[in-house]
Amino acid sequence: MTYELTFKRQALKTMVKLPRSEGQRVLEQLQKLAESPGRPDIDVKALRGRPGYRLRVGNMRVVFERDDERRHIAVLRIAPRGQVYRQ
């Protein structure tokens, strides 16, 4: 069963601004994540010190929350590695 993907406004704005090839890679990894969050071929780790997870796609990081009961993934933020964890 696949998970439903939703994007916060900030994440969606960043997706639109990414170069086409990089945006496509991020989208492909998010689709893999939605198909099966436990796949070993995607680089997902739990965040420390706060709720949520991060997905690594090259130099980009995708911060998201996952609700297994509702089968829902909310993409909160997409940014380069050095900037994604700043609030």
PDB file of N, CA and C in Angstrom:
ATOM      1  N   MET A   1       0.835  -1.188   0.000  1.00  0.00           N
ATOM      2  CA  MET A   1       0.000   0.000   0.000  1.00  0.00           C
ATOM      3  C   MET A   1       0.872   1.242   0.000  1.00  0.00           C
ATOM      4  N   THR A   2       0.502   2.171  -0.827  1.00  0.00           N
ATOM      5  CA  THR A   2       1.278   3.399  -0.911  1.00  0.00           C
ATOM      6  C   THR A   2       0.768   4.433   0.089  1.00  0.00           C
ATOM      7  N   TYR A   3       1.659   5.324   0.435  1.00  0.00           N
ATOM      8  CA  TYR A   3       1.340   6.420   1.334  1.00  0.00           C
ATOM      9  C   TYR A   3       0.956   7.636   0.493  1.00  0.00           C
ATOM     10  N   GLU A   4       0.109   8.487   1.054  1.00  0.00           N
ATOM     11  CA  GLU A   4      -0.261   9.730   0.397  1.00  0.00           C
ATOM     12  C   GLU A   4       0.808  10.766   0.714  1.00  0.00           C
ATOM     13  N   LEU A   5       1.269  11.480  -0.313  1.00  0.00           N
ATOM     14  CA  LEU A   5       2.271  12.531  -0.136  1.00  0.00           C
ATOM     15  C   LEU A   5       1.594  13.895  -0.163  1.00  0.00           C
ATOM     16  N   THR A   6       1.920  14.738   0.812  1.00  0.00           N
ATOM     17  CA  THR A   6       1.485  16.131   0.776  1.00  0.00           C
ATOM     18  C   THR A   6       2.699  17.014   1.031  1.00  0.00           C
ATOM     19  N   PHE A   7       2.653  18.212   0.481  1.00  0.00           N
ATOM     20  CA  PHE A   7       3.762  19.148   0.597  1.00  0.00           C
ATOM     21  C   PHE A   7       3.303  20.414   1.306  1.00  0.00           C
ATOM     22  N   LYS A   8       4.102  20.881   2.255  1.00  0.00           N
ATOM     23  CA  LYS A   8       3.854  22.205   2.832  1.00  0.00           C
ATOM     24  C   LYS A   8       4.231  23.232   1.762  1.00  0.00           C
ATOM     25  N   ARG A   9       3.702  24.413   1.886  1.00  0.00           N
ATOM     26  CA  ARG A   9       3.929  25.455   0.885  1.00  0.00           C
ATOM     27  C   ARG A   9       5.416  25.732   0.660  1.00  0.00           C
ATOM     28  N   GLN A  10       6.179  25.794   1.739  1.00  0.00           N
ATOM     29  CA  GLN A  10       7.612  26.080   1.628  1.00  0.00           C
ATOM     30  C   GLN A  10       8.331  24.990   0.826  1.00  0.00           C
ATOM     31  N   ALA A  11       7.992  23.735   1.064  1.00  0.00           N
ATOM     32  CA  ALA A  11       8.614  22.628   0.343  1.00  0.00           C
ATOM     33  C   ALA A  11       8.240  22.659  -1.132  1.00  0.00           C
ATOM     34  N   LEU A  12       6.999  22.978  -1.421  1.00  0.00           N
ATOM     35  CA  LEU A  12       6.537  23.044  -2.797  1.00  0.00           C
ATOM     36  C   LEU A  12       7.237  24.168  -3.559  1.00  0.00           C
ATOM     37  N   LYS A  13       7.416  25.313  -2.912  1.00  0.00           N
ATOM     38  CA  LYS A  13       8.128  26.430  -3.538  1.00  0.00           C
ATOM     39  C   LYS A  13       9.561  26.034  -3.886  1.00  0.00           C
ATOM     40  N   THR A  14      10.201  25.328  -2.967  1.00  0.00           N
ATOM     41  CA  THR A  14      11.578  24.900  -3.206  1.00  0.00           C
ATOM     42  C   THR A  14      11.636  23.909  -4.361  1.00  0.00           C
ATOM     43  N   MET A  15      10.689  22.986  -4.438  1.00  0.00           N
ATOM     44  CA  MET A  15      10.656  22.000  -5.525  1.00  0.00           C
ATOM     45  C   MET A  15      10.571  22.698  -6.875  1.00  0.00           C
ATOM     46  N   VAL A  16       9.760  23.727  -6.960  1.00  0.00           N
ATOM     47  CA  VAL A  16       9.575  24.441  -8.220  1.00  0.00           C
ATOM     48  C   VAL A  16      10.860  25.166  -8.625  1.00  0.00           C
ATOM     49  N   LYS A  17      11.615  25.663  -7.645  1.00  0.00           N
ATOM     50  CA  LYS A  17      12.828  26.423  -7.928  1.00  0.00           C
ATOM     51  C   LYS A  17      14.039  25.556  -8.239  1.00  0.00           C
ATOM     52  N   LEU A  18      13.993  24.278  -7.901  1.00  0.00           N
ATOM     53  CA  LEU A  18      15.135  23.398  -8.152  1.00  0.00           C
ATOM     54  C   LEU A  18      15.371  23.228  -9.647  1.00  0.00           C
ATOM     55  N   PRO A  19      16.635  23.022 -10.049  1.00  0.00           N
ATOM     56  CA  PRO A  19      16.891  22.676 -11.449  1.00  0.00           C
ATOM     57  C   PRO A  19      16.111  21.405 -11.812  1.00  0.00           C
ATOM     58  N   ARG A  20      15.694  21.318 -13.042  1.00  0.00           N
ATOM     59  CA  ARG A  20      14.816  20.232 -13.475  1.00  0.00           C
ATOM     60  C   ARG A  20      15.359  18.842 -13.114  1.00  0.00           C
ATOM     61  N   SER A  21      16.634  18.593 -13.360  1.00  0.00           N
ATOM     62  CA  SER A  21      17.195  17.263 -13.093  1.00  0.00           C
ATOM     63  C   SER A  21      17.203  16.957 -11.595  1.00  0.00           C
ATOM     64  N   GLU A  22      17.547  17.944 -10.792  1.00  0.00           N
ATOM     65  CA  GLU A  22      17.594  17.734  -9.344  1.00  0.00           C
ATOM     66  C   GLU A  22      16.185  17.551  -8.771  1.00  0.00           C
ATOM     67  N   GLY A  23      15.246  18.343  -9.253  1.00  0.00           N
ATOM     68  CA  GLY A  23      13.861  18.207  -8.828  1.00  0.00           C
ATOM     69  C   GLY A  23      13.292  16.849  -9.187  1.00  0.00           C
ATOM     70  N   GLN A  24      13.676  16.353 -10.366  1.00  0.00           N
ATOM     71  CA  GLN A  24      13.217  15.035 -10.808  1.00  0.00           C
ATOM     72  C   GLN A  24      13.764  13.937  -9.898  1.00  0.00           C
ATOM     73  N   ARG A  25      15.033  14.050  -9.501  1.00  0.00           N
ATOM     74  CA  ARG A  25      15.631  13.060  -8.592  1.00  0.00           C
ATOM     75  C   ARG A  25      14.932  13.056  -7.244  1.00  0.00           C
ATOM     76  N   VAL A  26      14.645  14.252  -6.718  1.00  0.00           N
ATOM     77  CA  VAL A  26      13.949  14.360  -5.432  1.00  0.00           C
ATOM     78  C   VAL A  26      12.569  13.735  -5.540  1.00  0.00           C
ATOM     79  N   LEU A  27      11.856  14.045  -6.614  1.00  0.00           N
ATOM     80  CA  LEU A  27      10.511  13.509  -6.807  1.00  0.00           C
ATOM     81  C   LEU A  27      10.524  11.984  -6.936  1.00  0.00           C
ATOM     82  N   GLU A  28      11.505  11.440  -7.646  1.00  0.00           N
ATOM     83  CA  GLU A  28      11.618   9.980  -7.782  1.00  0.00           C
ATOM     84  C   GLU A  28      11.837   9.318  -6.424  1.00  0.00           C
ATOM     85  N   GLN A  29      12.706   9.906  -5.602  1.00  0.00           N
ATOM     86  CA  GLN A  29      12.968   9.332  -4.282  1.00  0.00           C
ATOM     87  C   GLN A  29      11.736   9.433  -3.383  1.00  0.00           C
ATOM     88  N   LEU A  30      10.993  10.533  -3.498  1.00  0.00           N
ATOM     89  CA  LEU A  30       9.764  10.678  -2.712  1.00  0.00           C
ATOM     90  C   LEU A  30       8.716   9.653  -3.145  1.00  0.00           C
ATOM     91  N   GLN A  31       8.653   9.364  -4.441  1.00  0.00           N
ATOM     92  CA  GLN A  31       7.713   8.351  -4.917  1.00  0.00           C
ATOM     93  C   GLN A  31       8.095   6.969  -4.399  1.00  0.00           C
ATOM     94  N   LYS A  32       9.392   6.659  -4.376  1.00  0.00           N
ATOM     95  CA  LYS A  32       9.853   5.394  -3.796  1.00  0.00           C
ATOM     96  C   LYS A  32       9.486   5.325  -2.314  1.00  0.00           C
ATOM     97  N   LEU A  33       9.672   6.438  -1.618  1.00  0.00           N
ATOM     98  CA  LEU A  33       9.342   6.509  -0.196  1.00  0.00           C
ATOM     99  C   LEU A  33       7.850   6.270   0.018  1.00  0.00           C
ATOM    100  N   ALA A  34       7.029   6.857  -0.827  1.00  0.00           N
ATOM    101  CA  ALA A  34       5.573   6.695  -0.699  1.00  0.00           C
ATOM    102  C   ALA A  34       5.142   5.259  -0.987  1.00  0.00           C
ATOM    103  N   GLU A  35       5.830   4.579  -1.881  1.00  0.00           N
ATOM    104  CA  GLU A  35       5.498   3.191  -2.196  1.00  0.00           C
ATOM    105  C   GLU A  35       5.782   2.278  -1.015  1.00  0.00           C
ATOM    106  N   SER A  36       6.943   2.493  -0.391  1.00  0.00           N
ATOM    107  CA  SER A  36       7.335   1.645   0.730  1.00  0.00           C
ATOM    108  C   SER A  36       8.385   2.364   1.574  1.00  0.00           C
ATOM    109  N   PRO A  37       7.987   2.951   2.707  1.00  0.00           N
ATOM    110  CA  PRO A  37       8.924   3.725   3.525  1.00  0.00           C
ATOM    111  C   PRO A  37      10.086   2.915   4.102  1.00  0.00           C
ATOM    112  N   GLY A  38       9.982   1.612   4.164  1.00  0.00           N
ATOM    113  CA  GLY A  38      11.043   0.798   4.740  1.00  0.00           C
ATOM    114  C   GLY A  38      12.047   0.262   3.735  1.00  0.00           C
ATOM    115  N   ARG A  39      12.029   0.759   2.513  1.00  0.00           N
ATOM    116  CA  ARG A  39      12.944   0.250   1.474  1.00  0.00           C
ATOM    117  C   ARG A  39      14.400   0.485   1.868  1.00  0.00           C
ATOM    118  N   PRO A  40      15.247  -0.501   1.632  1.00  0.00           N
ATOM    119  CA  PRO A  40      16.663  -0.318   1.980  1.00  0.00           C
ATOM    120  C   PRO A  40      17.433   0.541   0.978  1.00  0.00           C
ATOM    121  N   ASP A  41      16.880   0.795  -0.218  1.00  0.00           N
ATOM    122  CA  ASP A  41      17.623   1.549  -1.232  1.00  0.00           C
ATOM    123  C   ASP A  41      17.404   3.063  -1.154  1.00  0.00           C
ATOM    124  N   ILE A  42      16.634   3.528  -0.159  1.00  0.00           N
ATOM    125  CA  ILE A  42      16.496   4.962   0.053  1.00  0.00           C
ATOM    126  C   ILE A  42      17.114   5.314   1.398  1.00  0.00           C
ATOM    127  N   ASP A  43      17.748   6.474   1.457  1.00  0.00           N
ATOM    128  CA  ASP A  43      18.504   6.875   2.650  1.00  0.00           C
ATOM    129  C   ASP A  43      17.618   7.724   3.565  1.00  0.00           C
ATOM    130  N   VAL A  44      16.948   7.065   4.509  1.00  0.00           N
ATOM    131  CA  VAL A  44      16.052   7.732   5.450  1.00  0.00           C
ATOM    132  C   VAL A  44      16.563   7.486   6.864  1.00  0.00           C
ATOM    133  N   LYS A  45      16.591   8.556   7.661  1.00  0.00           N
ATOM    134  CA  LYS A  45      16.966   8.436   9.068  1.00  0.00           C
ATOM    135  C   LYS A  45      16.022   9.280   9.903  1.00  0.00           C
ATOM    136  N   ALA A  46      15.806   8.850  11.137  1.00  0.00           N
ATOM    137  CA  ALA A  46      14.994   9.629  12.077  1.00  0.00           C
ATOM    138  C   ALA A  46      15.802  10.832  12.540  1.00  0.00           C
ATOM    139  N   LEU A  47      15.138  11.957  12.714  1.00  0.00           N
ATOM    140  CA  LEU A  47      15.801  13.152  13.225  1.00  0.00           C
ATOM    141  C   LEU A  47      16.042  12.999  14.719  1.00  0.00           C
ATOM    142  N   ARG A  48      17.129  13.565  15.194  1.00  0.00           N
ATOM    143  CA  ARG A  48      17.419  13.534  16.623  1.00  0.00           C
ATOM    144  C   ARG A  48      16.985  14.848  17.245  1.00  0.00           C
ATOM    145  N   GLY A  49      16.368  14.772  18.412  1.00  0.00           N
ATOM    146  CA  GLY A  49      15.985  15.962  19.137  1.00  0.00           C
ATOM    147  C   GLY A  49      14.645  16.556  18.739  1.00  0.00           C
ATOM    148  N   ARG A  50      14.025  16.013  17.724  1.00  0.00           N
ATOM    149  CA  ARG A  50      12.703  16.474  17.302  1.00  0.00           C
ATOM    150  C   ARG A  50      12.032  15.383  16.465  1.00  0.00           C
ATOM    151  N   PRO A  51      10.723  15.444  16.337  1.00  0.00           N
ATOM    152  CA  PRO A  51      10.033  14.408  15.566  1.00  0.00           C
ATOM    153  C   PRO A  51      10.269  14.584  14.069  1.00  0.00           C
ATOM    154  N   GLY A  52      10.197  13.503  13.352  1.00  0.00           N
ATOM    155  CA  GLY A  52      10.323  13.554  11.907  1.00  0.00           C
ATOM    156  C   GLY A  52      11.484  12.726  11.389  1.00  0.00           C
ATOM    157  N   TYR A  53      11.629  12.750  10.086  1.00  0.00           N
ATOM    158  CA  TYR A  53      12.657  11.989   9.390  1.00  0.00           C
ATOM    159  C   TYR A  53      13.295  12.869   8.337  1.00  0.00           C
ATOM    160  N   ARG A  54      14.449  12.411   7.828  1.00  0.00           N
ATOM    161  CA  ARG A  54      15.067  13.090   6.705  1.00  0.00           C
ATOM    162  C   ARG A  54      15.358  12.065   5.622  1.00  0.00           C
ATOM    163  N   LEU A  55      15.197  12.508   4.394  1.00  0.00           N
ATOM    164  CA  LEU A  55      15.517  11.710   3.213  1.00  0.00           C
ATOM    165  C   LEU A  55      16.674  12.401   2.520  1.00  0.00           C
ATOM    166  N   ARG A  56      17.719  11.653   2.243  1.00  0.00           N
ATOM    167  CA  ARG A  56      18.893  12.215   1.585  1.00  0.00           C
ATOM    168  C   ARG A  56      18.801  11.929   0.092  1.00  0.00           C
ATOM    169  N   VAL A  57      18.926  12.993  -0.715  1.00  0.00           N
ATOM    170  CA  VAL A  57      18.939  12.870  -2.177  1.00  0.00           C
ATOM    171  C   VAL A  57      20.109  13.709  -2.668  1.00  0.00           C
ATOM    172  N   GLY A  58      21.275  13.090  -2.819  1.00  0.00           N
ATOM    173  CA  GLY A  58      22.471  13.833  -3.202  1.00  0.00           C
ATOM    174  C   GLY A  58      22.819  14.831  -2.119  1.00  0.00           C
ATOM    175  N   ASN A  59      22.946  16.105  -2.491  1.00  0.00           N
ATOM    176  CA  ASN A  59      23.255  17.169  -1.536  1.00  0.00           C
ATOM    177  C   ASN A  59      21.987  17.736  -0.893  1.00  0.00           C
ATOM    178  N   MET A  60      20.828  17.352  -1.388  1.00  0.00           N
ATOM    179  CA  MET A  60      19.565  17.869  -0.876  1.00  0.00           C
ATOM    180  C   MET A  60      19.048  16.974   0.250  1.00  0.00           C
ATOM    181  N   ARG A  61      18.314  17.584   1.170  1.00  0.00           N
ATOM    182  CA  ARG A  61      17.667  16.844   2.250  1.00  0.00           C
ATOM    183  C   ARG A  61      16.184  17.184   2.244  1.00  0.00           C
ATOM    184  N   VAL A  62      15.365  16.167   2.472  1.00  0.00           N
ATOM    185  CA  VAL A  62      13.928  16.337   2.553  1.00  0.00           C
ATOM    186  C   VAL A  62      13.517  15.968   3.974  1.00  0.00           C
ATOM    187  N   VAL A  63      12.954  16.910   4.704  1.00  0.00           N
ATOM    188  CA  VAL A  63      12.485  16.657   6.061  1.00  0.00           C
ATOM    189  C   VAL A  63      10.990  16.389   5.972  1.00  0.00           C
ATOM    190  N   PHE A  64      10.562  15.286   6.575  1.00  0.00           N
ATOM    191  CA  PHE A  64       9.156  14.910   6.479  1.00  0.00           C
ATOM    192  C   PHE A  64       8.689  14.240   7.756  1.00  0.00           C
ATOM    193  N   GLU A  65       7.370  14.180   7.914  1.00  0.00           N
ATOM    194  CA  GLU A  65       6.741  13.446   9.008  1.00  0.00           C
ATOM    195  C   GLU A  65       5.935  12.317   8.389  1.00  0.00           C
ATOM    196  N   ARG A  66       5.890  11.194   9.076  1.00  0.00           N
ATOM    197  CA  ARG A  66       5.192  10.011   8.555  1.00  0.00           C
ATOM    198  C   ARG A  66       4.163   9.545   9.569  1.00  0.00           C
ATOM    199  N   ASP A  67       2.945   9.324   9.107  1.00  0.00           N
ATOM    200  CA  ASP A  67       1.869   8.800   9.936  1.00  0.00           C
ATOM    201  C   ASP A  67       1.490   7.437   9.375  1.00  0.00           C
ATOM    202  N   ASP A  68       1.933   6.376  10.059  1.00  0.00           N
ATOM    203  CA  ASP A  68       1.704   5.019   9.560  1.00  0.00           C
ATOM    204  C   ASP A  68       0.246   4.596   9.662  1.00  0.00           C
ATOM    205  N   GLU A  69      -0.479   5.112  10.622  1.00  0.00           N
ATOM    206  CA  GLU A  69      -1.890   4.740  10.764  1.00  0.00           C
ATOM    207  C   GLU A  69      -2.720   5.265   9.595  1.00  0.00           C
ATOM    208  N   ARG A  70      -2.487   6.511   9.215  1.00  0.00           N
ATOM    209  CA  ARG A  70      -3.239   7.117   8.115  1.00  0.00           C
ATOM    210  C   ARG A  70      -2.577   6.911   6.768  1.00  0.00           C
ATOM    211  N   ARG A  71      -1.366   6.330   6.772  1.00  0.00           N
ATOM    212  CA  ARG A  71      -0.580   6.128   5.557  1.00  0.00           C
ATOM    213  C   ARG A  71      -0.377   7.453   4.834  1.00  0.00           C
ATOM    214  N   HIS A  72       0.243   8.375   5.562  1.00  0.00           N
ATOM    215  CA  HIS A  72       0.416   9.736   5.073  1.00  0.00           C
ATOM    216  C   HIS A  72       1.845  10.218   5.336  1.00  0.00           C
ATOM    217  N   ILE A  73       2.444  10.870   4.345  1.00  0.00           N
ATOM    218  CA  ILE A  73       3.763  11.481   4.493  1.00  0.00           C
ATOM    219  C   ILE A  73       3.613  12.956   4.172  1.00  0.00           C
ATOM    220  N   ALA A  74       3.986  13.814   5.127  1.00  0.00           N
ATOM    221  CA  ALA A  74       3.926  15.259   4.939  1.00  0.00           C
ATOM    222  C   ALA A  74       5.344  15.786   4.755  1.00  0.00           C
ATOM    223  N   VAL A  75       5.638  16.303   3.561  1.00  0.00           N
ATOM    224  CA  VAL A  75       6.950  16.861   3.267  1.00  0.00           C
ATOM    225  C   VAL A  75       6.977  18.282   3.826  1.00  0.00           C
ATOM    226  N   LEU A  76       7.856  18.508   4.802  1.00  0.00           N
ATOM    227  CA  LEU A  76       7.909  19.786   5.494  1.00  0.00           C
ATOM    228  C   LEU A  76       8.897  20.762   4.874  1.00  0.00           C
ATOM    229  N   ARG A  77      10.047  20.240   4.458  1.00  0.00           N
ATOM    230  CA  ARG A  77      11.103  21.134   4.001  1.00  0.00           C
ATOM    231  C   ARG A  77      12.037  20.410   3.051  1.00  0.00           C
ATOM    232  N   ILE A  78      12.498  21.114   2.034  1.00  0.00           N
ATOM    233  CA  ILE A  78      13.497  20.618   1.095  1.00  0.00           C
ATOM    234  C   ILE A  78      14.559  21.703   0.981  1.00  0.00           C
ATOM    235  N   ALA A  79      15.805  21.334   1.235  1.00  0.00           N
ATOM    236  CA  ALA A  79      16.887  22.330   1.191  1.00  0.00           C
ATOM    237  C   ALA A  79      18.224  21.601   1.098  1.00  0.00           C
ATOM    238  N   PRO A  80      19.290  22.357   0.744  1.00  0.00           N
ATOM    239  CA  PRO A  80      20.626  21.762   0.763  1.00  0.00           C
ATOM    240  C   PRO A  80      21.000  21.320   2.179  1.00  0.00           C
ATOM    241  N   ARG A  81      21.930  20.418   2.266  1.00  0.00           N
ATOM    242  CA  ARG A  81      22.330  19.799   3.529  1.00  0.00           C
ATOM    243  C   ARG A  81      22.635  20.801   4.626  1.00  0.00           C
ATOM    244  N   GLY A  82      23.326  21.852   4.336  1.00  0.00           N
ATOM    245  CA  GLY A  82      23.754  22.809   5.359  1.00  0.00           C
ATOM    246  C   GLY A  82      22.650  23.738   5.852  1.00  0.00           C
ATOM    247  N   GLN A  83      21.538  23.794   5.137  1.00  0.00           N
ATOM    248  CA  GLN A  83      20.491  24.746   5.486  1.00  0.00           C
ATOM    249  C   GLN A  83      19.206  24.108   5.978  1.00  0.00           C
ATOM    250  N   VAL A  84      19.015  22.843   5.734  1.00  0.00           N
ATOM    251  CA  VAL A  84      17.702  22.223   5.984  1.00  0.00           C
ATOM    252  C   VAL A  84      17.334  22.143   7.450  1.00  0.00           C
ATOM    253  N   TYR A  85      18.296  22.022   8.348  1.00  0.00           N
ATOM    254  CA  TYR A  85      17.984  21.817   9.754  1.00  0.00           C
ATOM    255  C   TYR A  85      17.844  23.109  10.538  1.00  0.00           C
ATOM    256  N   ARG A  86      18.131  24.245   9.899  1.00  0.00           N
ATOM    257  CA  ARG A  86      17.967  25.540  10.573  1.00  0.00           C
ATOM    258  C   ARG A  86      16.503  25.924  10.574  1.00  0.00           C
ATOM    259  N   GLN A  87      16.059  26.530  11.663  1.00  0.00           N
ATOM    260  CA  GLN A  87      14.654  26.926  11.744  1.00  0.00           C
ATOM    261  C   GLN A  87      14.473  28.366  11.475  1.00  0.00           C
TER     262      GLN A  87
END
